Amino acid sequence: MGADVAGGLRRLMVHRKDGPVLARGALEIARLEYPDLDPDAYLRRLDDYAERVRAAGGAGLTDQVLALNRILFREEGYAGNLEEYYDPRNSFLNEVMDRRLGLPITLSIVYLEVGRRVGLPVEGVSFPGHFLVKLPVQGGALVLDPFDAGRSLGEEDLQEQLAQVYGDDPTPPVAGLLNAASPREILVRLLRNLKGVYLRRNQLEKVLDVMNCVLAIAPELASEVRDRGRLLERLECLRPALEDYQRYLELVPDAADSDQVRSDLIRIQQDAQRIH
């Protein structure tokens, strides 16, 4: 199934470059665990949410945002899953929509998709440690946290979030971290979150499926190529591991760890020769 999902994501990104790919991509990822998933059922539910927002909201941006927050978080009960943050179900959009529980990024996907349907210029923000959404307003941006019922975040809130990520290290300026994330970037971050969940559980075959999906939609991500090579080596798939190490060195020949990767590559070649 992992290969099917990776192929589906690749086709989606190729054929829908200029179209709505975010929800479909997230639902395609969910097929890793739910191969019989019907994506159209969940897309229709997003359409229904949008119809309710249109009916409840006024013409202004503020009224629409308030209506969107009310319907998703009060009426439907969407919330951040604080108690079971690392439950893999939090990363699958179908489960998030069925259980009304999720991660910052999956709740943001719901928010973005409904907002887009009602014409709100809402964008995803790949903020360090916590995915957010924003809307352009006069003089700046309105930053919202779907993990916290769509709460509006100010500069101080964002600085506190950065402090949690960077600790005692200097933090970068907030303004430079509020750039809009593309659907591809959002899906890659979603997959990386899922990869981390499976690594915590030592479910290495599932980690490999997720990494294949990442590289299906972002094949130039050198660190993912290298990390997949390491995982393949750990799984004793030496030839594919060798290919990933070679690809990594082609992508970033002057990487800080290039000498180590070259050493690993030579060792794998020698091991493969002994096996054969």
Foldseek 3Di string as FASTA:
>chain_A
DLVVLLVVLLVLCVPAVPHDCQQVNLQSVLCLPVVPDDSVVVVVVLVVLLVQLVVQADPDPVRSLVSSLCCLCPVQNQAEDPPCQLDLLQLRLVSCSVVSYHAQLSLVSSSVSSCVSNPFPKFWFPAPPGIWIWGDDVPGIFIFGSNHSGDTDDPVNSVVVQCVVQPPDDGDDPVVRGDGDDSLRSSLVSLVSSLVSCVVVVVLVVNLSSLSNNCSSVVLPLVSLQVNLVSCVVVVVLVSSLVSLVVSCVSPVPDPCNVVSVVVNVVSVVVVVVVD
